[in-house]
Amino acid sequence: MKAKKAELQRSLDPPPLTNGRSPSRPQNISEPVAAFGPPGSNGELNVSVIVSPVPQDFSIEGFGGPKDVGEVVLRRIARTRRSPDINATLIDAALREDADNVKYYKLEFRVESPSFRRHNVAVCCARDGKLYTMNAQAPESVWKAVQREFVAMADSFSLVVDA
């Protein structure tokens, strides 16, 4: 029970970008499809992938360019926190497109409060009624040690089409 309460107070992943619209089918709470971190750790150093249902016609581009998308994500992070002393800062935002015309928005940001300081790099994209979000986060104190690997993960994150 304590762990569940702590997780609700300091969720480790950015919230889904659904623009307040209801998905076309019933929605379950979005939880990571996969999450990886050092065994026995508290979860602040981790990489996770979340797949959230969104309407078939959902488009991240509707939020604007990469910086606009980043600002939407940061507003939602700050708004979903139960504490008014959460500060989220966008460091960088970029867009890449793959051969299948899927647009990937890469966001680097920092989330700080009196009790934690985290550095994140996240990638989000939408296809076929699903929003995919890969988030890699680390305590600010270890960011420099993991930055290269986290950025490489973000740059290589892509959806694979089954043949």
N, C-alpha and C. Protein backbone atom coordinates (compact mmCIF):
# COMPACT_ATOMS: atom_id res chain seq x y z
N MET A 1 0.82 -1.19 0.00
CA MET A 1 0.00 0.00 0.00
C MET A 1 0.87 1.26 0.00
N LYS A 2 1.93 1.27 0.82
CA LYS A 2 2.83 2.43 0.86
C LYS A 2 3.51 2.63 -0.49
N ALA A 3 3.92 1.52 -1.12
CA ALA A 3 4.59 1.63 -2.42
C ALA A 3 3.64 2.22 -3.46
N LYS A 4 2.39 1.78 -3.47
CA LYS A 4 1.40 2.30 -4.41
C LYS A 4 1.19 3.80 -4.20
N LYS A 5 1.09 4.22 -2.94
CA LYS A 5 0.90 5.63 -2.62
C LYS A 5 2.11 6.45 -3.07
N ALA A 6 3.31 5.93 -2.81
CA ALA A 6 4.53 6.64 -3.21
C ALA A 6 4.59 6.77 -4.73
N GLU A 7 4.21 5.71 -5.45
CA GLU A 7 4.24 5.75 -6.90
C GLU A 7 3.25 6.79 -7.43
N LEU A 8 2.08 6.88 -6.83
CA LEU A 8 1.11 7.88 -7.26
C LEU A 8 1.62 9.29 -7.02
N GLN A 9 2.39 9.48 -5.96
CA GLN A 9 2.89 10.81 -5.64
C GLN A 9 4.08 11.20 -6.50
N ARG A 10 4.83 10.23 -6.98
CA ARG A 10 6.01 10.56 -7.78
C ARG A 10 6.19 9.58 -8.92
N SER A 11 5.20 9.52 -9.79
CA SER A 11 5.22 8.63 -10.93
C SER A 11 6.52 8.83 -11.71
N LEU A 12 7.02 7.75 -12.26
CA LEU A 12 8.32 7.79 -12.91
C LEU A 12 8.25 8.06 -14.41
N ASP A 13 7.08 8.02 -14.99
CA ASP A 13 6.96 8.16 -16.43
C ASP A 13 6.10 9.37 -16.78
N PRO A 14 6.39 9.99 -17.95
CA PRO A 14 5.56 11.10 -18.37
C PRO A 14 4.14 10.62 -18.66
N PRO A 15 3.15 11.48 -18.49
CA PRO A 15 1.77 11.09 -18.77
C PRO A 15 1.53 10.97 -20.27
N PRO A 16 0.52 10.20 -20.68
CA PRO A 16 0.23 10.08 -22.11
C PRO A 16 -0.32 11.38 -22.67
N LEU A 17 -0.06 11.61 -23.95
CA LEU A 17 -0.57 12.80 -24.65
C LEU A 17 -1.85 12.42 -25.36
N THR A 18 -2.98 12.60 -24.74
CA THR A 18 -4.24 12.28 -25.41
C THR A 18 -5.07 13.52 -25.68
N ASN A 19 -4.55 14.68 -25.36
CA ASN A 19 -5.20 15.95 -25.63
C ASN A 19 -6.60 16.02 -25.04
N GLY A 20 -6.83 15.29 -23.94
CA GLY A 20 -8.11 15.35 -23.28
C GLY A 20 -9.22 14.60 -23.98
N ARG A 21 -8.91 14.00 -25.14
CA ARG A 21 -9.94 13.27 -25.88
C ARG A 21 -10.01 11.84 -25.38
N SER A 22 -11.20 11.29 -25.41
CA SER A 22 -11.37 9.89 -25.01
C SER A 22 -10.90 9.00 -26.14
N PRO A 23 -10.26 7.89 -25.82
CA PRO A 23 -9.86 6.96 -26.86
C PRO A 23 -11.10 6.31 -27.48
N SER A 24 -10.92 5.71 -28.67
CA SER A 24 -12.04 5.11 -29.38
C SER A 24 -12.51 3.81 -28.73
N ARG A 25 -11.77 3.27 -27.82
CA ARG A 25 -12.19 2.07 -27.09
C ARG A 25 -11.91 2.28 -25.61
N PRO A 26 -12.48 1.44 -24.74
CA PRO A 26 -12.25 1.63 -23.30
C PRO A 26 -10.77 1.67 -22.97
N GLN A 27 -10.41 2.53 -22.05
CA GLN A 27 -9.00 2.72 -21.71
C GLN A 27 -8.71 2.18 -20.32
N ASN A 28 -7.67 1.40 -20.24
CA ASN A 28 -7.14 0.98 -18.95
C ASN A 28 -6.06 1.96 -18.57
N ILE A 29 -5.70 1.98 -17.31
CA ILE A 29 -4.61 2.84 -16.88
C ILE A 29 -3.36 2.42 -17.63
N SER A 30 -2.65 3.39 -18.20
CA SER A 30 -1.43 3.09 -18.95
C SER A 30 -0.32 2.73 -17.98
N GLU A 31 0.19 1.55 -18.17
CA GLU A 31 1.32 1.09 -17.37
C GLU A 31 2.41 0.68 -18.33
N PRO A 32 3.65 0.69 -17.89
CA PRO A 32 4.73 0.29 -18.78
C PRO A 32 4.52 -1.11 -19.34
N VAL A 33 4.79 -1.25 -20.64
CA VAL A 33 4.79 -2.56 -21.27
C VAL A 33 6.08 -3.27 -20.86
N ALA A 34 7.14 -2.48 -20.75
CA ALA A 34 8.43 -3.00 -20.30
C ALA A 34 9.12 -1.89 -19.53
N ALA A 35 9.81 -2.26 -18.45
CA ALA A 35 10.57 -1.29 -17.67
C ALA A 35 11.83 -1.98 -17.18
N PHE A 36 12.94 -1.29 -17.29
CA PHE A 36 14.22 -1.86 -16.90
C PHE A 36 14.98 -0.88 -16.03
N GLY A 37 15.59 -1.40 -14.99
CA GLY A 37 16.41 -0.60 -14.10
C GLY A 37 17.30 -1.54 -13.31
N PRO A 38 18.27 -0.99 -12.60
CA PRO A 38 19.16 -1.85 -11.81
C PRO A 38 18.37 -2.65 -10.77
N PRO A 39 18.67 -3.95 -10.64
CA PRO A 39 17.98 -4.77 -9.64
C PRO A 39 18.15 -4.17 -8.24
N GLY A 40 17.07 -4.21 -7.48
CA GLY A 40 17.12 -3.74 -6.10
C GLY A 40 17.11 -2.23 -5.94
N SER A 41 16.97 -1.49 -7.05
CA SER A 41 16.98 -0.03 -6.95
C SER A 41 15.58 0.49 -6.65
N ASN A 42 15.48 1.80 -6.43
CA ASN A 42 14.19 2.41 -6.10
C ASN A 42 13.38 2.82 -7.32
N GLY A 43 13.88 2.56 -8.52
CA GLY A 43 13.14 2.87 -9.73
C GLY A 43 13.42 4.23 -10.33
N GLU A 44 14.22 5.04 -9.68
CA GLU A 44 14.50 6.37 -10.23
C GLU A 44 15.45 6.32 -11.42
N LEU A 45 16.22 5.25 -11.55
CA LEU A 45 17.06 5.03 -12.73
C LEU A 45 16.39 3.91 -13.50
N ASN A 46 15.72 4.26 -14.61
CA ASN A 46 15.02 3.23 -15.37
C ASN A 46 14.72 3.67 -16.78
N VAL A 47 14.37 2.69 -17.58
CA VAL A 47 13.90 2.90 -18.94
C VAL A 47 12.59 2.14 -19.05
N SER A 48 11.56 2.79 -19.58
CA SER A 48 10.27 2.12 -19.71
C SER A 48 9.64 2.46 -21.05
N VAL A 49 8.73 1.58 -21.46
CA VAL A 49 7.94 1.80 -22.67
C VAL A 49 6.48 1.67 -22.28
N ILE A 50 5.69 2.66 -22.65
CA ILE A 50 4.26 2.66 -22.37
C ILE A 50 3.52 2.72 -23.70
N VAL A 51 2.50 1.89 -23.83
CA VAL A 51 1.63 1.91 -25.01
C VAL A 51 0.24 2.27 -24.52
N SER A 52 -0.29 3.39 -25.00
CA SER A 52 -1.60 3.88 -24.57
C SER A 52 -2.56 3.92 -25.75
N PRO A 53 -3.79 3.50 -25.55
CA PRO A 53 -4.77 3.61 -26.63
C PRO A 53 -5.15 5.08 -26.85
N VAL A 54 -5.25 5.47 -28.10
CA VAL A 54 -5.69 6.81 -28.49
C VAL A 54 -6.64 6.64 -29.68
N PRO A 55 -7.40 7.66 -30.02
CA PRO A 55 -8.27 7.55 -31.19
C PRO A 55 -7.46 7.23 -32.45
N GLN A 56 -8.08 6.51 -33.38
CA GLN A 56 -7.40 6.13 -34.63
C GLN A 56 -6.83 7.34 -35.35
N ASP A 57 -7.52 8.47 -35.26
CA ASP A 57 -7.07 9.67 -35.98
C ASP A 57 -6.16 10.56 -35.14
N PHE A 58 -5.72 10.08 -33.98
CA PHE A 58 -4.84 10.88 -33.12
C PHE A 58 -3.54 11.19 -33.84
N SER A 59 -3.10 12.43 -33.70
CA SER A 59 -1.86 12.86 -34.33
C SER A 59 -1.10 13.76 -33.36
N ILE A 60 0.13 13.40 -33.07
CA ILE A 60 0.95 14.24 -32.19
C ILE A 60 1.19 15.60 -32.85
N GLU A 61 1.25 15.62 -34.17
CA GLU A 61 1.48 16.87 -34.88
C GLU A 61 0.41 17.91 -34.54
N GLY A 62 -0.75 17.47 -34.10
CA GLY A 62 -1.82 18.39 -33.70
C GLY A 62 -1.42 19.29 -32.54
N PHE A 63 -0.39 18.91 -31.80
CA PHE A 63 0.10 19.72 -30.69
C PHE A 63 1.09 20.78 -31.17
N GLY A 64 1.58 20.64 -32.41
CA GLY A 64 2.56 21.58 -32.94
C GLY A 64 3.89 20.90 -33.17
N GLY A 65 4.95 21.71 -33.20
CA GLY A 65 6.29 21.20 -33.42
C GLY A 65 6.86 20.55 -32.17
N PRO A 66 8.10 20.08 -32.25
CA PRO A 66 8.72 19.38 -31.11
C PRO A 66 8.72 20.18 -29.81
N LYS A 67 9.04 21.46 -29.88
CA LYS A 67 9.05 22.27 -28.66
C LYS A 67 7.64 22.39 -28.07
N ASP A 68 6.64 22.56 -28.94
CA ASP A 68 5.25 22.64 -28.48
C ASP A 68 4.83 21.35 -27.80
N VAL A 69 5.19 20.21 -28.40
CA VAL A 69 4.87 18.91 -27.81
C VAL A 69 5.55 18.79 -26.44
N GLY A 70 6.81 19.21 -26.37
CA GLY A 70 7.53 19.18 -25.10
C GLY A 70 6.85 20.00 -24.02
N GLU A 71 6.38 21.18 -24.39
CA GLU A 71 5.70 22.04 -23.41
C GLU A 71 4.39 21.40 -22.94
N VAL A 72 3.67 20.73 -23.84
CA VAL A 72 2.44 20.03 -23.45
C VAL A 72 2.77 18.93 -22.45
N VAL A 73 3.80 18.14 -22.75
CA VAL A 73 4.20 17.06 -21.84
C VAL A 73 4.57 17.63 -20.48
N LEU A 74 5.36 18.68 -20.45
CA LEU A 74 5.79 19.25 -19.17
C LEU A 74 4.63 19.83 -18.37
N ARG A 75 3.69 20.46 -19.06
CA ARG A 75 2.50 20.96 -18.34
C ARG A 75 1.73 19.80 -17.72
N ARG A 76 1.63 18.70 -18.44
CA ARG A 76 0.90 17.54 -17.92
C ARG A 76 1.66 16.88 -16.77
N ILE A 77 2.97 16.87 -16.85
CA ILE A 77 3.76 16.32 -15.74
C ILE A 77 3.51 17.16 -14.49
N ALA A 78 3.61 18.47 -14.63
CA ALA A 78 3.42 19.35 -13.47
C ALA A 78 1.99 19.25 -12.95
N ARG A 79 1.02 19.13 -13.85
CA ARG A 79 -0.38 19.08 -13.44
C ARG A 79 -0.74 17.74 -12.79
N THR A 80 -0.08 16.65 -13.18
CA THR A 80 -0.44 15.35 -12.61
C THR A 80 0.21 15.12 -11.26
N ARG A 81 1.14 15.93 -10.90
CA ARG A 81 1.79 15.79 -9.60
C ARG A 81 0.90 16.34 -8.51
N ARG A 82 0.95 15.76 -7.35
CA ARG A 82 0.10 16.20 -6.24
C ARG A 82 0.74 17.35 -5.46
N SER A 83 1.94 17.72 -5.82
CA SER A 83 2.66 18.75 -5.09
C SER A 83 2.84 19.99 -5.96
N PRO A 84 2.55 21.17 -5.45
CA PRO A 84 2.70 22.38 -6.26
C PRO A 84 4.16 22.80 -6.46
N ASP A 85 5.09 22.16 -5.78
CA ASP A 85 6.49 22.56 -5.89
C ASP A 85 7.28 21.72 -6.88
N ILE A 86 6.60 21.14 -7.88
CA ILE A 86 7.25 20.40 -8.95
C ILE A 86 7.60 21.39 -10.06
N ASN A 87 8.83 21.33 -10.53
CA ASN A 87 9.26 22.19 -11.62
C ASN A 87 9.78 21.30 -12.75
N ALA A 88 9.24 21.48 -13.95
CA ALA A 88 9.67 20.71 -15.11
C ALA A 88 10.23 21.69 -16.14
N THR A 89 11.42 21.37 -16.66
CA THR A 89 12.11 22.25 -17.60
C THR A 89 12.47 21.50 -18.87
N LEU A 90 12.04 22.01 -20.01
CA LEU A 90 12.38 21.42 -21.29
C LEU A 90 13.79 21.85 -21.66
N ILE A 91 14.66 20.88 -21.94
CA ILE A 91 16.04 21.17 -22.30
C ILE A 91 16.22 21.15 -23.81
N ASP A 92 15.61 20.15 -24.47
CA ASP A 92 15.75 20.01 -25.91
C ASP A 92 14.54 19.27 -26.46
N ALA A 93 14.21 19.54 -27.70
CA ALA A 93 13.11 18.86 -28.38
C ALA A 93 13.48 18.71 -29.84
N ALA A 94 13.26 17.52 -30.40
CA ALA A 94 13.62 17.27 -31.79
C ALA A 94 12.60 16.33 -32.42
N LEU A 95 12.57 16.34 -33.73
CA LEU A 95 11.66 15.50 -34.50
C LEU A 95 12.45 14.73 -35.53
N ARG A 96 12.14 13.44 -35.66
CA ARG A 96 12.69 12.64 -36.76
C ARG A 96 11.55 11.85 -37.36
N GLU A 97 11.71 11.45 -38.61
CA GLU A 97 10.68 10.70 -39.30
C GLU A 97 11.31 9.47 -39.94
N ASP A 98 10.63 8.32 -39.83
CA ASP A 98 11.20 7.10 -40.40
C ASP A 98 10.68 6.88 -41.83
N ALA A 99 11.10 5.79 -42.45
CA ALA A 99 10.73 5.49 -43.83
C ALA A 99 9.23 5.26 -44.00
N ASP A 100 8.53 4.90 -42.91
CA ASP A 100 7.08 4.69 -42.95
C ASP A 100 6.31 5.96 -42.59
N ASN A 101 7.00 7.10 -42.54
CA ASN A 101 6.41 8.40 -42.21
C ASN A 101 5.89 8.50 -40.79
N VAL A 102 6.41 7.69 -39.88
CA VAL A 102 6.08 7.81 -38.47
C VAL A 102 6.98 8.90 -37.89
N LYS A 103 6.36 9.86 -37.21
CA LYS A 103 7.12 10.96 -36.61
C LYS A 103 7.43 10.63 -35.16
N TYR A 104 8.70 10.78 -34.79
CA TYR A 104 9.18 10.51 -33.43
C TYR A 104 9.61 11.83 -32.81
N TYR A 105 9.00 12.16 -31.69
CA TYR A 105 9.33 13.39 -30.97
C TYR A 105 10.23 13.03 -29.80
N LYS A 106 11.46 13.54 -29.82
CA LYS A 106 12.41 13.28 -28.73
C LYS A 106 12.47 14.51 -27.84
N LEU A 107 12.28 14.28 -26.54
CA LEU A 107 12.25 15.36 -25.56
C LEU A 107 13.26 15.08 -24.47
N GLU A 108 14.07 16.06 -24.17
CA GLU A 108 14.96 15.97 -23.01
C GLU A 108 14.47 17.01 -22.01
N PHE A 109 14.27 16.57 -20.78
CA PHE A 109 13.73 17.49 -19.77
C PHE A 109 14.18 17.09 -18.38
N ARG A 110 14.03 18.04 -17.48
CA ARG A 110 14.40 17.85 -16.07
C ARG A 110 13.14 18.07 -15.24
N VAL A 111 12.95 17.21 -14.23
CA VAL A 111 11.84 17.36 -13.29
C VAL A 111 12.45 17.45 -11.90
N GLU A 112 12.09 18.53 -11.17
CA GLU A 112 12.69 18.77 -9.86
C GLU A 112 11.62 19.07 -8.82
N SER A 113 11.90 18.65 -7.61
CA SER A 113 11.07 18.98 -6.45
C SER A 113 12.02 19.04 -5.25
N PRO A 114 11.52 19.40 -4.09
CA PRO A 114 12.40 19.38 -2.91
C PRO A 114 12.93 17.99 -2.58
N SER A 115 12.23 16.94 -3.03
CA SER A 115 12.66 15.58 -2.67
C SER A 115 13.38 14.81 -3.77
N PHE A 116 13.38 15.30 -5.03
CA PHE A 116 14.10 14.61 -6.09
C PHE A 116 14.47 15.57 -7.21
N ARG A 117 15.49 15.15 -8.00
CA ARG A 117 15.91 15.85 -9.21
C ARG A 117 16.18 14.78 -10.25
N ARG A 118 15.38 14.76 -11.32
CA ARG A 118 15.51 13.73 -12.35
C ARG A 118 15.75 14.36 -13.72
N HIS A 119 16.50 13.63 -14.52
CA HIS A 119 16.77 14.02 -15.90
C HIS A 119 16.15 12.94 -16.77
N ASN A 120 15.43 13.33 -17.81
CA ASN A 120 14.71 12.39 -18.67
C ASN A 120 15.01 12.64 -20.12
N VAL A 121 14.99 11.57 -20.90
CA VAL A 121 14.92 11.68 -22.34
C VAL A 121 13.79 10.74 -22.75
N ALA A 122 12.84 11.28 -23.50
CA ALA A 122 11.66 10.51 -23.88
C ALA A 122 11.44 10.63 -25.38
N VAL A 123 10.84 9.59 -25.95
CA VAL A 123 10.46 9.60 -27.35
C VAL A 123 9.01 9.16 -27.42
N CYS A 124 8.20 9.90 -28.17
CA CYS A 124 6.81 9.49 -28.34
C CYS A 124 6.45 9.52 -29.82
N CYS A 125 5.58 8.58 -30.19
CA CYS A 125 5.07 8.51 -31.55
C CYS A 125 3.71 7.83 -31.50
N ALA A 126 2.91 8.05 -32.53
CA ALA A 126 1.58 7.45 -32.58
C ALA A 126 1.41 6.72 -33.91
N ARG A 127 0.74 5.55 -33.82
CA ARG A 127 0.42 4.80 -35.02
C ARG A 127 -0.71 3.83 -34.71
N ASP A 128 -1.66 3.74 -35.62
CA ASP A 128 -2.73 2.75 -35.54
C ASP A 128 -3.48 2.76 -34.21
N GLY A 129 -3.82 3.94 -33.72
CA GLY A 129 -4.61 4.03 -32.50
C GLY A 129 -3.85 3.76 -31.22
N LYS A 130 -2.53 3.86 -31.28
CA LYS A 130 -1.72 3.67 -30.08
C LYS A 130 -0.66 4.76 -30.00
N LEU A 131 -0.44 5.23 -28.78
CA LEU A 131 0.62 6.19 -28.49
C LEU A 131 1.74 5.43 -27.80
N TYR A 132 2.92 5.45 -28.37
CA TYR A 132 4.08 4.76 -27.82
C TYR A 132 4.99 5.80 -27.17
N THR A 133 5.38 5.55 -25.94
CA THR A 133 6.27 6.46 -25.23
C THR A 133 7.40 5.66 -24.60
N MET A 134 8.63 5.98 -24.98
CA MET A 134 9.82 5.41 -24.35
C MET A 134 10.39 6.52 -23.48
N ASN A 135 10.60 6.23 -22.20
CA ASN A 135 11.17 7.22 -21.29
C ASN A 135 12.36 6.62 -20.56
N ALA A 136 13.48 7.32 -20.60
CA ALA A 136 14.67 6.92 -19.84
C ALA A 136 14.93 8.04 -18.85
N GLN A 137 15.02 7.68 -17.58
CA GLN A 137 15.23 8.71 -16.56
C GLN A 137 16.30 8.29 -15.58
N ALA A 138 16.94 9.31 -15.04
CA ALA A 138 18.00 9.08 -14.06
C ALA A 138 17.99 10.22 -13.05
N PRO A 139 18.41 9.92 -11.83
CA PRO A 139 18.62 11.03 -10.90
C PRO A 139 19.64 12.00 -11.53
N GLU A 140 19.45 13.27 -11.34
CA GLU A 140 20.35 14.27 -11.93
C GLU A 140 21.80 13.98 -11.55
N SER A 141 22.02 13.44 -10.36
CA SER A 141 23.38 13.17 -9.88
C SER A 141 24.12 12.12 -10.71
N VAL A 142 23.41 11.26 -11.45
CA VAL A 142 24.08 10.24 -12.27
C VAL A 142 23.86 10.46 -13.77
N TRP A 143 23.19 11.55 -14.14
CA TRP A 143 22.86 11.78 -15.54
C TRP A 143 24.09 11.74 -16.45
N LYS A 144 25.16 12.42 -16.10
CA LYS A 144 26.34 12.44 -16.97
C LYS A 144 26.88 11.04 -17.23
N ALA A 145 26.77 10.15 -16.26
CA ALA A 145 27.28 8.78 -16.42
C ALA A 145 26.42 7.95 -17.38
N VAL A 146 25.15 8.26 -17.52
CA VAL A 146 24.25 7.46 -18.35
C VAL A 146 23.76 8.21 -19.59
N GLN A 147 24.11 9.46 -19.72
CA GLN A 147 23.59 10.30 -20.80
C GLN A 147 23.82 9.69 -22.18
N ARG A 148 25.02 9.27 -22.48
CA ARG A 148 25.33 8.73 -23.81
C ARG A 148 24.44 7.54 -24.14
N GLU A 149 24.31 6.60 -23.19
CA GLU A 149 23.49 5.41 -23.42
C GLU A 149 22.01 5.78 -23.55
N PHE A 150 21.54 6.69 -22.71
CA PHE A 150 20.12 7.06 -22.75
C PHE A 150 19.78 7.76 -24.07
N VAL A 151 20.65 8.65 -24.53
CA VAL A 151 20.40 9.34 -25.79
C VAL A 151 20.45 8.34 -26.95
N ALA A 152 21.38 7.38 -26.90
CA ALA A 152 21.44 6.34 -27.94
C ALA A 152 20.16 5.52 -27.97
N MET A 153 19.62 5.18 -26.79
CA MET A 153 18.34 4.45 -26.75
C MET A 153 17.24 5.27 -27.39
N ALA A 154 17.17 6.54 -27.04
CA ALA A 154 16.12 7.41 -27.59
C ALA A 154 16.26 7.54 -29.10
N ASP A 155 17.49 7.70 -29.58
CA ASP A 155 17.71 7.87 -31.01
C ASP A 155 17.42 6.59 -31.80
N SER A 156 17.51 5.44 -31.14
CA SER A 156 17.26 4.18 -31.85
C SER A 156 15.85 3.64 -31.65
N PHE A 157 15.06 4.27 -30.79
CA PHE A 157 13.70 3.79 -30.56
C PHE A 157 12.88 3.92 -31.83
N SER A 158 12.29 2.81 -32.28
CA SER A 158 11.45 2.86 -33.48
C SER A 158 10.45 1.71 -33.45
N LEU A 159 9.38 1.90 -34.16
CA LEU A 159 8.35 0.87 -34.28
C LEU A 159 8.72 -0.05 -35.43
N VAL A 160 8.48 -1.32 -35.25
CA VAL A 160 8.79 -2.31 -36.27
C VAL A 160 7.47 -2.84 -36.82
N VAL A 161 7.38 -2.91 -38.13
CA VAL A 161 6.17 -3.42 -38.77
C VAL A 161 6.35 -4.90 -39.03
N ASP A 162 5.37 -5.69 -38.55
CA ASP A 162 5.40 -7.13 -38.84
C ASP A 162 5.11 -7.35 -40.31
N ALA A 163 5.90 -8.20 -40.94
CA ALA A 163 5.71 -8.47 -42.38
C ALA A 163 4.67 -9.54 -42.61
